[in-house]
Amino acid sequence: MSKPIVINDSNFDQTVLQAEMPVLVDFWASWCRPCLMLTPILEELAEEYSGKITFAKLNVDRNPKTASRYRIMSIPTLLLFKKGEPVSHLVGYKPKAELKRDLDTALS
């Protein structure tokens, strides 16, 4: 099964903003229950959208610079980046079907 890649403040620009393919960034923390509930769903979606979207995780406690840069106030927050720009912003736990619908809309 595909897993989201782990990113941080130092590699965010290269991994996300300069990526050819869209990148979904999961802003999360280890103490956040909804974040932990979302992890297996994102792993499944990473497999299903392989070759279409790169899935990435950024721990907000360890990477406050990037979290602040994108004004992450609640977690989990999912930002979908296309060509270096955020095009979709989802906050809170979402069921898989809702995430798929939002991803498909953002990709079209």
PDB file of N, CA and C in Angstrom:
ATOM      1  N   MET A   1       0.846  -1.191   0.000  1.00  0.00           N
ATOM      2  CA  MET A   1       0.000   0.000   0.000  1.00  0.00           C
ATOM      3  C   MET A   1       0.885   1.245   0.000  1.00  0.00           C
ATOM      4  N   SER A   2       0.517   2.207  -0.790  1.00  0.00           N
ATOM      5  CA  SER A   2       1.223   3.488  -0.860  1.00  0.00           C
ATOM      6  C   SER A   2       1.003   4.261   0.431  1.00  0.00           C
ATOM      7  N   LYS A   3       2.023   4.950   0.865  1.00  0.00           N
ATOM      8  CA  LYS A   3       1.887   5.785   2.061  1.00  0.00           C
ATOM      9  C   LYS A   3       2.243   7.213   1.697  1.00  0.00           C
ATOM     10  N   PRO A   4       1.596   8.167   2.353  1.00  0.00           N
ATOM     11  CA  PRO A   4       1.986   9.556   2.126  1.00  0.00           C
ATOM     12  C   PRO A   4       3.451   9.779   2.537  1.00  0.00           C
ATOM     13  N   ILE A   5       4.121  10.655   1.827  1.00  0.00           N
ATOM     14  CA  ILE A   5       5.507  10.975   2.169  1.00  0.00           C
ATOM     15  C   ILE A   5       5.514  11.974   3.324  1.00  0.00           C
ATOM     16  N   VAL A   6       6.559  11.938   4.121  1.00  0.00           N
ATOM     17  CA  VAL A   6       6.709  12.861   5.240  1.00  0.00           C
ATOM     18  C   VAL A   6       7.540  14.045   4.756  1.00  0.00           C
ATOM     19  N   ILE A   7       6.998  15.244   4.953  1.00  0.00           N
ATOM     20  CA  ILE A   7       7.716  16.450   4.543  1.00  0.00           C
ATOM     21  C   ILE A   7       7.924  17.343   5.761  1.00  0.00           C
ATOM     22  N   ASN A   8       8.764  18.371   5.578  1.00  0.00           N
ATOM     23  CA  ASN A   8       9.060  19.280   6.681  1.00  0.00           C
ATOM     24  C   ASN A   8       9.302  20.693   6.149  1.00  0.00           C
ATOM     25  N   ASP A   9       9.579  21.614   7.066  1.00  0.00           N
ATOM     26  CA  ASP A   9       9.807  23.006   6.675  1.00  0.00           C
ATOM     27  C   ASP A   9      10.911  23.136   5.626  1.00  0.00           C
ATOM     28  N   SER A  10      11.971  22.354   5.760  1.00  0.00           N
ATOM     29  CA  SER A  10      13.122  22.537   4.872  1.00  0.00           C
ATOM     30  C   SER A  10      12.914  21.979   3.463  1.00  0.00           C
ATOM     31  N   ASN A  11      12.045  20.960   3.300  1.00  0.00           N
ATOM     32  CA  ASN A  11      11.863  20.420   1.949  1.00  0.00           C
ATOM     33  C   ASN A  11      10.479  20.718   1.358  1.00  0.00           C
ATOM     34  N   PHE A  12       9.682  21.523   2.051  1.00  0.00           N
ATOM     35  CA  PHE A  12       8.321  21.800   1.595  1.00  0.00           C
ATOM     36  C   PHE A  12       8.301  22.434   0.204  1.00  0.00           C
ATOM     37  N   ASP A  13       9.065  23.501   0.011  1.00  0.00           N
ATOM     38  CA  ASP A  13       9.032  24.200  -1.280  1.00  0.00           C
ATOM     39  C   ASP A  13       9.398  23.273  -2.435  1.00  0.00           C
ATOM     40  N   GLN A  14      10.466  22.515  -2.269  1.00  0.00           N
ATOM     41  CA  GLN A  14      10.907  21.626  -3.342  1.00  0.00           C
ATOM     42  C   GLN A  14       9.908  20.494  -3.565  1.00  0.00           C
ATOM     43  N   THR A  15       9.409  19.900  -2.492  1.00  0.00           N
ATOM     44  CA  THR A  15       8.533  18.733  -2.608  1.00  0.00           C
ATOM     45  C   THR A  15       7.121  19.099  -3.040  1.00  0.00           C
ATOM     46  N   VAL A  16       6.622  20.237  -2.569  1.00  0.00           N
ATOM     47  CA  VAL A  16       5.223  20.592  -2.825  1.00  0.00           C
ATOM     48  C   VAL A  16       5.096  21.669  -3.896  1.00  0.00           C
ATOM     49  N   LEU A  17       5.735  22.794  -3.682  1.00  0.00           N
ATOM     50  CA  LEU A  17       5.534  23.939  -4.569  1.00  0.00           C
ATOM     51  C   LEU A  17       6.148  23.745  -5.954  1.00  0.00           C
ATOM     52  N   GLN A  18       7.206  22.945  -6.051  1.00  0.00           N
ATOM     53  CA  GLN A  18       7.866  22.719  -7.338  1.00  0.00           C
ATOM     54  C   GLN A  18       7.466  21.399  -7.988  1.00  0.00           C
ATOM     55  N   ALA A  19       6.499  20.713  -7.401  1.00  0.00           N
ATOM     56  CA  ALA A  19       6.081  19.405  -7.920  1.00  0.00           C
ATOM     57  C   ALA A  19       5.334  19.552  -9.244  1.00  0.00           C
ATOM     58  N   GLU A  20       5.543  18.606 -10.125  1.00  0.00           N
ATOM     59  CA  GLU A  20       4.838  18.572 -11.401  1.00  0.00           C
ATOM     60  C   GLU A  20       3.385  18.132 -11.197  1.00  0.00           C
ATOM     61  N   MET A  21       3.201  17.172 -10.309  1.00  0.00           N
ATOM     62  CA  MET A  21       1.887  16.593 -10.038  1.00  0.00           C
ATOM     63  C   MET A  21       1.250  17.330  -8.851  1.00  0.00           C
ATOM     64  N   PRO A  22      -0.082  17.355  -8.775  1.00  0.00           N
ATOM     65  CA  PRO A  22      -0.723  17.935  -7.592  1.00  0.00           C
ATOM     66  C   PRO A  22      -0.267  17.214  -6.321  1.00  0.00           C
ATOM     67  N   VAL A  23      -0.201  17.964  -5.221  1.00  0.00           N
ATOM     68  CA  VAL A  23       0.224  17.414  -3.933  1.00  0.00           C
ATOM     69  C   VAL A  23      -0.833  17.750  -2.887  1.00  0.00           C
ATOM     70  N   LEU A  24      -1.323  16.725  -2.194  1.00  0.00           N
ATOM     71  CA  LEU A  24      -2.244  16.924  -1.079  1.00  0.00           C
ATOM     72  C   LEU A  24      -1.419  16.861   0.205  1.00  0.00           C
ATOM     73  N   VAL A  25      -1.401  17.965   0.946  1.00  0.00           N
ATOM     74  CA  VAL A  25      -0.633  18.030   2.190  1.00  0.00           C
ATOM     75  C   VAL A  25      -1.588  17.907   3.369  1.00  0.00           C
ATOM     76  N   ASP A  26      -1.309  16.949   4.223  1.00  0.00           N
ATOM     77  CA  ASP A  26      -2.050  16.722   5.459  1.00  0.00           C
ATOM     78  C   ASP A  26      -1.277  17.402   6.582  1.00  0.00           C
ATOM     79  N   PHE A  27      -1.821  18.501   7.096  1.00  0.00           N
ATOM     80  CA  PHE A  27      -1.236  19.181   8.251  1.00  0.00           C
ATOM     81  C   PHE A  27      -1.825  18.514   9.482  1.00  0.00           C
ATOM     82  N   TRP A  28      -0.986  17.892  10.317  1.00  0.00           N
ATOM     83  CA  TRP A  28      -1.450  17.043  11.397  1.00  0.00           C
ATOM     84  C   TRP A  28      -0.534  17.153  12.614  1.00  0.00           C
ATOM     85  N   ALA A  29      -0.934  16.478  13.703  1.00  0.00           N
ATOM     86  CA  ALA A  29      -0.094  16.344  14.900  1.00  0.00           C
ATOM     87  C   ALA A  29      -0.389  14.988  15.528  1.00  0.00           C
ATOM     88  N   SER A  30       0.578  14.445  16.220  1.00  0.00           N
ATOM     89  CA  SER A  30       0.447  13.099  16.789  1.00  0.00           C
ATOM     90  C   SER A  30      -0.592  13.014  17.899  1.00  0.00           C
ATOM     91  N   TRP A  31      -0.908  14.117  18.541  1.00  0.00           N
ATOM     92  CA  TRP A  31      -1.884  14.136  19.639  1.00  0.00           C
ATOM     93  C   TRP A  31      -3.315  14.344  19.143  1.00  0.00           C
ATOM     94  N   CYS A  32      -3.506  14.567  17.873  1.00  0.00           N
ATOM     95  CA  CYS A  32      -4.814  14.904  17.294  1.00  0.00           C
ATOM     96  C   CYS A  32      -5.553  13.633  16.877  1.00  0.00           C
ATOM     97  N   ARG A  33      -6.619  13.292  17.596  1.00  0.00           N
ATOM     98  CA  ARG A  33      -7.398  12.079  17.302  1.00  0.00           C
ATOM     99  C   ARG A  33      -7.982  12.084  15.887  1.00  0.00           C
ATOM    100  N   PRO A  34      -8.642  13.175  15.452  1.00  0.00           N
ATOM    101  CA  PRO A  34      -9.159  13.169  14.073  1.00  0.00           C
ATOM    102  C   PRO A  34      -8.053  12.988  13.033  1.00  0.00           C
ATOM    103  N   CYS A  35      -6.859  13.520  13.322  1.00  0.00           N
ATOM    104  CA  CYS A  35      -5.728  13.333  12.403  1.00  0.00           C
ATOM    105  C   CYS A  35      -5.379  11.854  12.289  1.00  0.00           C
ATOM    106  N   LEU A  36      -5.344  11.174  13.423  1.00  0.00           N
ATOM    107  CA  LEU A  36      -5.008   9.754  13.433  1.00  0.00           C
ATOM    108  C   LEU A  36      -6.090   8.923  12.748  1.00  0.00           C
ATOM    109  N   MET A  37      -7.340   9.331  12.889  1.00  0.00           N
ATOM    110  CA  MET A  37      -8.436   8.640  12.211  1.00  0.00           C
ATOM    111  C   MET A  37      -8.358   8.818  10.694  1.00  0.00           C
ATOM    112  N   LEU A  38      -7.812   9.936  10.262  1.00  0.00           N
ATOM    113  CA  LEU A  38      -7.716  10.254   8.835  1.00  0.00           C
ATOM    114  C   LEU A  38      -6.573   9.500   8.146  1.00  0.00           C
ATOM    115  N   THR A  39      -5.555   9.117   8.913  1.00  0.00           N
ATOM    116  CA  THR A  39      -4.363   8.496   8.333  1.00  0.00           C
ATOM    117  C   THR A  39      -4.665   7.281   7.463  1.00  0.00           C
ATOM    118  N   PRO A  40      -5.433   6.284   7.924  1.00  0.00           N
ATOM    119  CA  PRO A  40      -5.669   5.135   7.033  1.00  0.00           C
ATOM    120  C   PRO A  40      -6.465   5.498   5.778  1.00  0.00           C
ATOM    121  N   ILE A  41      -7.326   6.485   5.885  1.00  0.00           N
ATOM    122  CA  ILE A  41      -8.090   6.927   4.711  1.00  0.00           C
ATOM    123  C   ILE A  41      -7.142   7.547   3.689  1.00  0.00           C
ATOM    124  N   LEU A  42      -6.222   8.379   4.160  1.00  0.00           N
ATOM    125  CA  LEU A  42      -5.259   9.011   3.243  1.00  0.00           C
ATOM    126  C   LEU A  42      -4.332   7.979   2.628  1.00  0.00           C
ATOM    127  N   GLU A  43      -3.997   6.928   3.379  1.00  0.00           N
ATOM    128  CA  GLU A  43      -3.168   5.857   2.815  1.00  0.00           C
ATOM    129  C   GLU A  43      -3.910   5.137   1.693  1.00  0.00           C
ATOM    130  N   GLU A  44      -5.202   4.887   1.886  1.00  0.00           N
ATOM    131  CA  GLU A  44      -6.008   4.254   0.832  1.00  0.00           C
ATOM    132  C   GLU A  44      -6.108   5.161  -0.395  1.00  0.00           C
ATOM    133  N   LEU A  45      -6.344   6.461  -0.151  1.00  0.00           N
ATOM    134  CA  LEU A  45      -6.456   7.400  -1.270  1.00  0.00           C
ATOM    135  C   LEU A  45      -5.127   7.551  -1.995  1.00  0.00           C
ATOM    136  N   ALA A  46      -4.018   7.500  -1.268  1.00  0.00           N
ATOM    137  CA  ALA A  46      -2.694   7.586  -1.903  1.00  0.00           C
ATOM    138  C   ALA A  46      -2.520   6.450  -2.906  1.00  0.00           C
ATOM    139  N   GLU A  47      -3.030   5.276  -2.547  1.00  0.00           N
ATOM    140  CA  GLU A  47      -2.967   4.129  -3.456  1.00  0.00           C
ATOM    141  C   GLU A  47      -3.891   4.355  -4.657  1.00  0.00           C
ATOM    142  N   GLU A  48      -5.105   4.786  -4.393  1.00  0.00           N
ATOM    143  CA  GLU A  48      -6.101   4.963  -5.460  1.00  0.00           C
ATOM    144  C   GLU A  48      -5.725   6.083  -6.436  1.00  0.00           C
ATOM    145  N   TYR A  49      -5.084   7.124  -5.943  1.00  0.00           N
ATOM    146  CA  TYR A  49      -4.724   8.271  -6.788  1.00  0.00           C
ATOM    147  C   TYR A  49      -3.245   8.243  -7.190  1.00  0.00           C
ATOM    148  N   SER A  50      -2.609   7.087  -7.040  1.00  0.00           N
ATOM    149  CA  SER A  50      -1.205   6.942  -7.412  1.00  0.00           C
ATOM    150  C   SER A  50      -1.012   7.366  -8.872  1.00  0.00           C
ATOM    151  N   GLY A  51      -0.030   8.219  -9.104  1.00  0.00           N
ATOM    152  CA  GLY A  51       0.225   8.726 -10.452  1.00  0.00           C
ATOM    153  C   GLY A  51      -0.569   9.964 -10.798  1.00  0.00           C
ATOM    154  N   LYS A  52      -1.521  10.348  -9.925  1.00  0.00           N
ATOM    155  CA  LYS A  52      -2.337  11.541 -10.165  1.00  0.00           C
ATOM    156  C   LYS A  52      -2.099  12.612  -9.110  1.00  0.00           C
ATOM    157  N   ILE A  53      -1.926  12.184  -7.858  1.00  0.00           N
ATOM    158  CA  ILE A  53      -1.713  13.097  -6.738  1.00  0.00           C
ATOM    159  C   ILE A  53      -0.642  12.500  -5.834  1.00  0.00           C
ATOM    160  N   THR A  54       0.277  13.338  -5.386  1.00  0.00           N
ATOM    161  CA  THR A  54       1.222  12.937  -4.349  1.00  0.00           C
ATOM    162  C   THR A  54       0.609  13.303  -3.008  1.00  0.00           C
ATOM    163  N   PHE A  55       0.621  12.381  -2.064  1.00  0.00           N
ATOM    164  CA  PHE A  55       0.103  12.626  -0.723  1.00  0.00           C
ATOM    165  C   PHE A  55       1.280  12.849   0.216  1.00  0.00           C
ATOM    166  N   ALA A  56       1.173  13.885   1.039  1.00  0.00           N
ATOM    167  CA  ALA A  56       2.258  14.241   1.954  1.00  0.00           C
ATOM    168  C   ALA A  56       1.698  14.601   3.322  1.00  0.00           C
ATOM    169  N   LYS A  57       2.501  14.366   4.360  1.00  0.00           N
ATOM    170  CA  LYS A  57       2.112  14.693   5.732  1.00  0.00           C
ATOM    171  C   LYS A  57       3.135  15.663   6.311  1.00  0.00           C
ATOM    172  N   LEU A  58       2.617  16.696   6.981  1.00  0.00           N
ATOM    173  CA  LEU A  58       3.494  17.673   7.635  1.00  0.00           C
ATOM    174  C   LEU A  58       3.030  17.827   9.087  1.00  0.00           C
ATOM    175  N   ASN A  59       3.888  17.457  10.019  1.00  0.00           N
ATOM    176  CA  ASN A  59       3.588  17.563  11.444  1.00  0.00           C
ATOM    177  C   ASN A  59       3.711  19.035  11.852  1.00  0.00           C
ATOM    178  N   VAL A  60       2.600  19.629  12.283  1.00  0.00           N
ATOM    179  CA  VAL A  60       2.595  21.069  12.586  1.00  0.00           C
ATOM    180  C   VAL A  60       3.409  21.407  13.825  1.00  0.00           C
ATOM    181  N   ASP A  61       3.542  20.463  14.764  1.00  0.00           N
ATOM    182  CA  ASP A  61       4.338  20.722  15.965  1.00  0.00           C
ATOM    183  C   ASP A  61       5.824  20.797  15.641  1.00  0.00           C
ATOM    184  N   ARG A  62       6.263  19.998  14.695  1.00  0.00           N
ATOM    185  CA  ARG A  62       7.685  19.958  14.327  1.00  0.00           C
ATOM    186  C   ARG A  62       8.029  20.936  13.206  1.00  0.00           C
ATOM    187  N   ASN A  63       7.006  21.461  12.536  1.00  0.00           N
ATOM    188  CA  ASN A  63       7.230  22.336  11.381  1.00  0.00           C
ATOM    189  C   ASN A  63       6.328  23.567  11.440  1.00  0.00           C
ATOM    190  N   PRO A  64       6.524  24.401  12.469  1.00  0.00           N
ATOM    191  CA  PRO A  64       5.631  25.548  12.653  1.00  0.00           C
ATOM    192  C   PRO A  64       5.751  26.614  11.566  1.00  0.00           C
ATOM    193  N   LYS A  65       6.888  26.695  10.914  1.00  0.00           N
ATOM    194  CA  LYS A  65       7.083  27.720   9.884  1.00  0.00           C
ATOM    195  C   LYS A  65       6.096  27.543   8.725  1.00  0.00           C
ATOM    196  N   THR A  66       5.998  26.333   8.216  1.00  0.00           N
ATOM    197  CA  THR A  66       5.098  26.074   7.091  1.00  0.00           C
ATOM    198  C   THR A  66       3.643  26.156   7.534  1.00  0.00           C
ATOM    199  N   ALA A  67       3.345  25.644   8.715  1.00  0.00           N
ATOM    200  CA  ALA A  67       1.974  25.723   9.230  1.00  0.00           C
ATOM    201  C   ALA A  67       1.544  27.174   9.375  1.00  0.00           C
ATOM    202  N   SER A  68       2.424  28.012   9.846  1.00  0.00           N
ATOM    203  CA  SER A  68       2.120  29.438   9.997  1.00  0.00           C
ATOM    204  C   SER A  68       1.985  30.116   8.640  1.00  0.00           C
ATOM    205  N   ARG A  69       2.845  29.754   7.723  1.00  0.00           N
ATOM    206  CA  ARG A  69       2.838  30.330   6.374  1.00  0.00           C
ATOM    207  C   ARG A  69       1.485  30.144   5.687  1.00  0.00           C
ATOM    208  N   TYR A  70       0.846  28.996   5.937  1.00  0.00           N
ATOM    209  CA  TYR A  70      -0.448  28.712   5.317  1.00  0.00           C
ATOM    210  C   TYR A  70      -1.618  28.889   6.288  1.00  0.00           C
ATOM    211  N   ARG A  71      -1.335  29.570   7.389  1.00  0.00           N
ATOM    212  CA  ARG A  71      -2.354  29.931   8.391  1.00  0.00           C
ATOM    213  C   ARG A  71      -3.191  28.735   8.839  1.00  0.00           C
ATOM    214  N   ILE A  72      -2.499  27.664   9.180  1.00  0.00           N
ATOM    215  CA  ILE A  72      -3.180  26.471   9.668  1.00  0.00           C
ATOM    216  C   ILE A  72      -3.584  26.728  11.120  1.00  0.00           C
ATOM    217  N   MET A  73      -4.881  26.841  11.357  1.00  0.00           N
ATOM    218  CA  MET A  73      -5.404  27.141  12.686  1.00  0.00           C
ATOM    219  C   MET A  73      -6.046  25.921  13.341  1.00  0.00           C
ATOM    220  N   SER A  74      -6.520  24.978  12.538  1.00  0.00           N
ATOM    221  CA  SER A  74      -7.145  23.760  13.040  1.00  0.00           C
ATOM    222  C   SER A  74      -6.554  22.576  12.293  1.00  0.00           C
ATOM    223  N   ILE A  75      -6.491  21.452  12.984  1.00  0.00           N
ATOM    224  CA  ILE A  75      -6.014  20.239  12.329  1.00  0.00           C
ATOM    225  C   ILE A  75      -7.014  19.123  12.591  1.00  0.00           C
ATOM    226  N   PRO A  76      -7.109  18.186  11.675  1.00  0.00           N
ATOM    227  CA  PRO A  76      -6.353  18.127  10.434  1.00  0.00           C
ATOM    228  C   PRO A  76      -6.837  19.157   9.414  1.00  0.00           C
ATOM    229  N   THR A  77      -5.893  19.672   8.669  1.00  0.00           N
ATOM    230  CA  THR A  77      -6.183  20.517   7.513  1.00  0.00           C
ATOM    231  C   THR A  77      -5.516  19.872   6.311  1.00  0.00           C
ATOM    232  N   LEU A  78      -6.258  19.756   5.234  1.00  0.00           N
ATOM    233  CA  LEU A  78      -5.728  19.227   3.981  1.00  0.00           C
ATOM    234  C   LEU A  78      -5.710  20.344   2.955  1.00  0.00           C
ATOM    235  N   LEU A  79      -4.529  20.605   2.396  1.00  0.00           N
ATOM    236  CA  LEU A  79      -4.390  21.578   1.318  1.00  0.00           C
ATOM    237  C   LEU A  79      -3.939  20.844   0.068  1.00  0.00           C
ATOM    238  N   LEU A  80      -4.655  21.050  -1.026  1.00  0.00           N
ATOM    239  CA  LEU A  80      -4.248  20.478  -2.309  1.00  0.00           C
ATOM    240  C   LEU A  80      -3.565  21.565  -3.114  1.00  0.00           C
ATOM    241  N   PHE A  81      -2.331  21.304  -3.507  1.00  0.00           N
ATOM    242  CA  PHE A  81      -1.539  22.252  -4.291  1.00  0.00           C
ATOM    243  C   PHE A  81      -1.456  21.776  -5.732  1.00  0.00           C
ATOM    244  N   LYS A  82      -1.689  22.709  -6.660  1.00  0.00           N
ATOM    245  CA  LYS A  82      -1.487  22.464  -8.092  1.00  0.00           C
ATOM    246  C   LYS A  82      -0.597  23.582  -8.603  1.00  0.00           C
ATOM    247  N   LYS A  83       0.491  23.190  -9.248  1.00  0.00           N
ATOM    248  CA  LYS A  83       1.442  24.167  -9.801  1.00  0.00           C
ATOM    249  C   LYS A  83       1.872  25.177  -8.740  1.00  0.00           C
ATOM    250  N   GLY A  84       2.085  24.693  -7.518  1.00  0.00           N
ATOM    251  CA  GLY A  84       2.610  25.529  -6.447  1.00  0.00           C
ATOM    252  C   GLY A  84       1.597  26.386  -5.720  1.00  0.00           C
ATOM    253  N   GLU A  85       0.337  26.291  -6.091  1.00  0.00           N
ATOM    254  CA  GLU A  85      -0.704  27.116  -5.462  1.00  0.00           C
ATOM    255  C   GLU A  85      -1.740  26.238  -4.773  1.00  0.00           C
ATOM    256  N   PRO A  86      -2.183  26.634  -3.575  1.00  0.00           N
ATOM    257  CA  PRO A  86      -3.258  25.876  -2.933  1.00  0.00           C
ATOM    258  C   PRO A  86      -4.579  26.102  -3.667  1.00  0.00           C
ATOM    259  N   VAL A  87      -5.237  25.008  -4.047  1.00  0.00           N
ATOM    260  CA  VAL A  87      -6.484  25.107  -4.802  1.00  0.00           C
ATOM    261  C   VAL A  87      -7.682  24.536  -4.045  1.00  0.00           C
ATOM    262  N   SER A  88      -7.406  23.812  -2.970  1.00  0.00           N
ATOM    263  CA  SER A  88      -8.475  23.236  -2.158  1.00  0.00           C
ATOM    264  C   SER A  88      -8.028  23.223  -0.707  1.00  0.00           C
ATOM    265  N   HIS A  89      -8.945  23.569   0.193  1.00  0.00           N
ATOM    266  CA  HIS A  89      -8.645  23.694   1.617  1.00  0.00           C
ATOM    267  C   HIS A  89      -9.758  22.997   2.402  1.00  0.00           C
ATOM    268  N   LEU A  90      -9.412  21.885   3.042  1.00  0.00           N
ATOM    269  CA  LEU A  90     -10.379  21.114   3.816  1.00  0.00           C
ATOM    270  C   LEU A  90      -9.928  21.067   5.274  1.00  0.00           C
ATOM    271  N   VAL A  91     -10.838  21.332   6.189  1.00  0.00           N
ATOM    272  CA  VAL A  91     -10.504  21.332   7.606  1.00  0.00           C
ATOM    273  C   VAL A  91     -11.359  20.300   8.327  1.00  0.00           C
ATOM    274  N   GLY A  92     -10.718  19.506   9.174  1.00  0.00           N
ATOM    275  CA  GLY A  92     -11.427  18.529   9.975  1.00  0.00           C
ATOM    276  C   GLY A  92     -11.482  17.168   9.314  1.00  0.00           C
ATOM    277  N   TYR A  93     -11.925  16.208  10.105  1.00  0.00           N
ATOM    278  CA  TYR A  93     -12.072  14.842   9.613  1.00  0.00           C
ATOM    279  C   TYR A  93     -13.184  14.790   8.567  1.00  0.00           C
ATOM    280  N   LYS A  94     -12.921  14.084   7.489  1.00  0.00           N
ATOM    281  CA  LYS A  94     -13.920  13.871   6.440  1.00  0.00           C
ATOM    282  C   LYS A  94     -13.937  12.380   6.095  1.00  0.00           C
ATOM    283  N   PRO A  95     -15.107  11.822   5.835  1.00  0.00           N
ATOM    284  CA  PRO A  95     -15.140  10.427   5.380  1.00  0.00           C
ATOM    285  C   PRO A  95     -14.511  10.303   3.989  1.00  0.00           C
ATOM    286  N   LYS A  96     -14.100   9.099   3.664  1.00  0.00           N
ATOM    287  CA  LYS A  96     -13.399   8.839   2.403  1.00  0.00           C
ATOM    288  C   LYS A  96     -14.192   9.309   1.189  1.00  0.00           C
ATOM    289  N   ALA A  97     -15.477   9.018   1.144  1.00  0.00           N
ATOM    290  CA  ALA A  97     -16.288   9.403  -0.021  1.00  0.00           C
ATOM    291  C   ALA A  97     -16.295  10.910  -0.222  1.00  0.00           C
ATOM    292  N   GLU A  98     -16.358  11.658   0.859  1.00  0.00           N
ATOM    293  CA  GLU A  98     -16.351  13.120   0.756  1.00  0.00           C
ATOM    294  C   GLU A  98     -14.987  13.626   0.291  1.00  0.00           C
ATOM    295  N   LEU A  99     -13.927  13.032   0.790  1.00  0.00           N
ATOM    296  CA  LEU A  99     -12.583  13.427   0.344  1.00  0.00           C
ATOM    297  C   LEU A  99     -12.394  13.130  -1.142  1.00  0.00           C
ATOM    298  N   LYS A 100     -12.854  11.964  -1.585  1.00  0.00           N
ATOM    299  CA  LYS A 100     -12.744  11.615  -3.007  1.00  0.00           C
ATOM    300  C   LYS A 100     -13.490  12.623  -3.874  1.00  0.00           C
ATOM    301  N   ARG A 101     -14.688  12.976  -3.454  1.00  0.00           N
ATOM    302  CA  ARG A 101     -15.491  13.948  -4.221  1.00  0.00           C
ATOM    303  C   ARG A 101     -14.746  15.291  -4.307  1.00  0.00           C
ATOM    304  N   ASP A 102     -14.187  15.743  -3.175  1.00  0.00           N
ATOM    305  CA  ASP A 102     -13.456  17.004  -3.168  1.00  0.00           C
ATOM    306  C   ASP A 102     -12.190  16.927  -4.028  1.00  0.00           C
ATOM    307  N   LEU A 103     -11.480  15.811  -3.968  1.00  0.00           N
ATOM    308  CA  LEU A 103     -10.280  15.656  -4.786  1.00  0.00           C
ATOM    309  C   LEU A 103     -10.632  15.630  -6.271  1.00  0.00           C
ATOM    310  N   ASP A 104     -11.671  14.889  -6.623  1.00  0.00           N
ATOM    311  CA  ASP A 104     -12.077  14.810  -8.032  1.00  0.00           C
ATOM    312  C   ASP A 104     -12.496  16.185  -8.561  1.00  0.00           C
ATOM    313  N   THR A 105     -13.213  16.953  -7.734  1.00  0.00           N
ATOM    314  CA  THR A 105     -13.623  18.295  -8.139  1.00  0.00           C
ATOM    315  C   THR A 105     -12.397  19.191  -8.340  1.00  0.00           C
ATOM    316  N   ALA A 106     -11.452  19.120  -7.418  1.00  0.00           N
ATOM    317  CA  ALA A 106     -10.251  19.957  -7.514  1.00  0.00           C
ATOM    318  C   ALA A 106      -9.372  19.569  -8.695  1.00  0.00           C
ATOM    319  N   LEU A 107      -9.390  18.321  -9.078  1.00  0.00           N
ATOM    320  CA  LEU A 107      -8.563  17.864 -10.189  1.00  0.00           C
ATOM    321  C   LEU A 107      -9.179  18.150 -11.549  1.00  0.00           C
ATOM    322  N   SER A 108     -10.480  18.407 -11.583  1.00  0.00           N
ATOM    323  CA  SER A 108     -11.134  18.598 -12.894  1.00  0.00           C
ATOM    324  C   SER A 108     -10.969  20.016 -13.415  1.00  0.00           C
TER     325      SER A 108
END
